[in-house]
Structures are given as C-alpha cells and as structure tokens.
Protein backbone atom coordinates (compact mmCIF):
# COMPACT_ATOMS: atom_id res chain seq x y z
CA MET A 1 -15.90 12.27 -12.67
CA GLY A 2 -16.18 9.97 -10.08
CA GLN A 3 -14.17 6.54 -9.01
CA ARG A 4 -15.65 4.44 -10.71
CA ALA A 5 -16.74 1.22 -7.69
CA GLY A 6 -16.37 -1.87 -10.24
CA GLU A 7 -12.52 -0.61 -10.56
CA LEU A 8 -11.76 -1.36 -7.15
CA CYS A 9 -12.07 -4.99 -6.85
CA HIS A 10 -10.13 -6.07 -4.36
CA ARG A 11 -10.50 -7.18 -0.97
CA VAL A 12 -7.14 -6.06 0.72
CA THR A 13 -5.89 -5.64 4.46
CA ILE A 14 -3.99 -2.61 5.29
CA GLN A 15 -2.49 -3.42 8.95
CA SER A 16 0.12 -0.89 11.27
CA LYS A 17 2.80 -2.15 13.53
CA THR A 18 2.92 -1.98 16.45
CA VAL A 19 6.16 -2.32 18.70
CA THR A 20 6.22 -3.22 22.44
CA TYR A 21 9.31 -4.32 24.84
CA ASP A 22 9.44 -7.01 27.25
CA GLU A 23 10.46 -7.39 30.32
CA ASN A 24 14.02 -7.50 29.16
CA ASN A 25 13.03 -4.37 27.32
CA TYR A 26 13.97 -6.94 24.01
CA GLU A 27 12.04 -4.92 21.55
CA THR A 28 9.18 -7.18 19.70
CA GLU A 29 7.04 -6.29 16.19
CA THR A 30 4.31 -7.11 15.83
CA TRP A 31 1.63 -5.78 12.83
CA ALA A 32 -2.62 -5.79 13.38
CA ASP A 33 -5.29 -5.75 10.91
CA PHE A 34 -6.62 -1.36 10.66
CA LYS A 35 -8.54 -1.54 7.74
CA LYS A 36 -10.02 -4.05 5.52
CA LEU A 37 -11.11 -1.51 2.04
CA TRP A 38 -11.49 -2.27 -1.47
CA ALA A 39 -9.09 -1.29 -3.83
CA LYS A 40 -7.29 -1.62 -6.71
CA VAL A 41 -3.88 -4.07 -6.95
CA GLU A 42 -1.99 -3.60 -10.30
CA PHE A 43 1.80 -5.23 -10.77
CA LEU A 44 3.76 -3.16 -13.05
CA SER A 45 4.59 -3.98 -16.54
CA VAL A 46 7.89 -5.14 -17.45
CA LYS A 47 8.57 -2.03 -18.86
CA ASP A 48 7.64 0.19 -15.83
CA ALA A 49 9.85 -2.01 -14.25
CA ILE A 50 12.44 -2.24 -15.39
CA ASN A 51 12.40 1.63 -15.68
CA ALA A 52 11.63 1.56 -11.84
CA LYS A 53 14.90 -0.16 -10.85
CA ALA A 54 17.01 1.77 -12.95
CA SER A 55 16.05 4.88 -11.18
CA GLY A 56 16.64 2.71 -8.31
CA SER A 57 12.99 2.02 -6.65
CA GLN A 58 11.94 -0.60 -5.40
CA THR A 59 8.60 -0.54 -6.37
CA THR A 60 6.84 -3.50 -7.86
CA ALA A 61 3.02 -2.77 -7.41
CA ARG A 62 0.36 0.54 -7.05
CA LEU A 63 -2.55 0.14 -4.71
CA LYS A 64 -5.35 2.68 -6.36
CA LEU A 65 -8.65 3.05 -3.57
CA ARG A 66 -11.21 5.85 -2.16
CA LYS A 67 -9.53 8.99 -0.68
CA ARG A 68 -8.47 8.58 2.86
CA SER A 69 -6.48 10.76 5.20
CA ASP A 70 -5.03 7.40 7.76
CA ILE A 71 -2.98 5.68 5.64
CA THR A 72 0.74 5.91 5.78
CA THR A 73 4.57 4.36 4.80
CA GLU A 74 4.41 3.34 8.60
CA MET A 75 2.18 0.19 7.79
CA ARG A 76 1.39 -2.61 5.03
CA VAL A 77 -0.68 -3.80 2.92
CA LEU A 78 -1.64 -7.81 2.61
CA TRP A 79 -3.73 -9.30 -0.46
CA ASP A 80 -4.23 -12.61 -2.08
CA GLY A 81 -1.30 -14.10 0.01
CA TYR A 82 1.19 -11.59 -0.77
CA THR A 83 2.82 -8.77 2.01
CA PHE A 84 3.73 -5.53 0.15
CA GLN A 85 5.32 -2.50 1.65
CA ILE A 86 4.43 0.71 1.45
CA VAL A 87 7.53 2.95 0.07
CA SER A 88 6.20 5.85 -1.04
CA PRO A 89 3.63 8.51 0.15
CA PRO A 90 -0.51 8.67 -0.83
CA LYS A 91 -0.09 10.49 -4.70
CA PRO A 92 -3.70 12.45 -5.20
CA ASP A 93 -5.51 11.48 -8.24
CA ASN A 94 -5.26 14.25 -10.93
CA VAL A 95 -8.79 14.89 -11.34
CA ASN A 96 -8.86 16.88 -8.29
CA GLY A 97 -6.66 15.46 -6.07
CA LYS A 98 -10.14 14.17 -2.99
CA ILE A 99 -11.74 11.39 -5.28
CA TYR A 100 -8.67 8.04 -4.93
CA MET A 101 -5.35 7.64 -3.90
CA THR A 102 -2.61 6.01 -4.97
CA LEU A 103 0.12 3.74 -3.48
CA GLU A 104 3.18 2.36 -4.52
CA LEU A 105 4.16 -1.30 -3.20
CA ALA A 106 7.15 -3.24 -2.50
CA VAL A 107 6.71 -6.85 -2.21
CA VAL A 108 8.14 -8.09 1.66
CA GLY A 109 9.99 -11.08 1.45
C-alpha cells in the first residue's frame, strides 16, 4: 500500500541553518530554503496536546511527508505563516518504513 498523493496537500518549506562569523567574530545565524515539499501538516488534538505537555514534550503538530534521508532536527519548517522547529528524528511509517515519515514539530515564537 503506497502513500496517496492527495493526502500530501500542504506545500511546506524546509529550511537549514547557516552560522557565519563577521570580522569581529560575532556569530550570526541565517536560515536558507533547503527544499519545498508536499506534506500533510496536522496540529495535535486537544487530548494529544495535553498528553504531550504532561510528558514534557514540546510537540504541537506533526508533519507527514514522503520518506527522505536529508532532513534533520537541525532544520525548521515553514507553512501557512507558521515556523516550526523539528523536535524529534523522523519516525518511519508502520507499513515497511520506506513510504513516508512523520516529524514532530513545535511552533517557534
């Protein structure tokens, strides 16, 4: 059973962080677009959000996308005016681990 393309209906931007140093050796972080992908963004239900907070998790949403190996927790996700931090390593699908992955996200200030 494969991933239905229609389920991935949100266009998200994955960004990677770059750290640079100026002539005074001050560190500056900048974010650059890494990939634009089709994904499914789901905010946690009230019940899931309460359970997440009770366990100390920062998770407020989940991102489901086709399986990739180039997205890490050092990156962030932009979607519909929201900026999300990736708070956990990718979780593979339950079918065979090769179709899609799920990332847990936290809204950033």
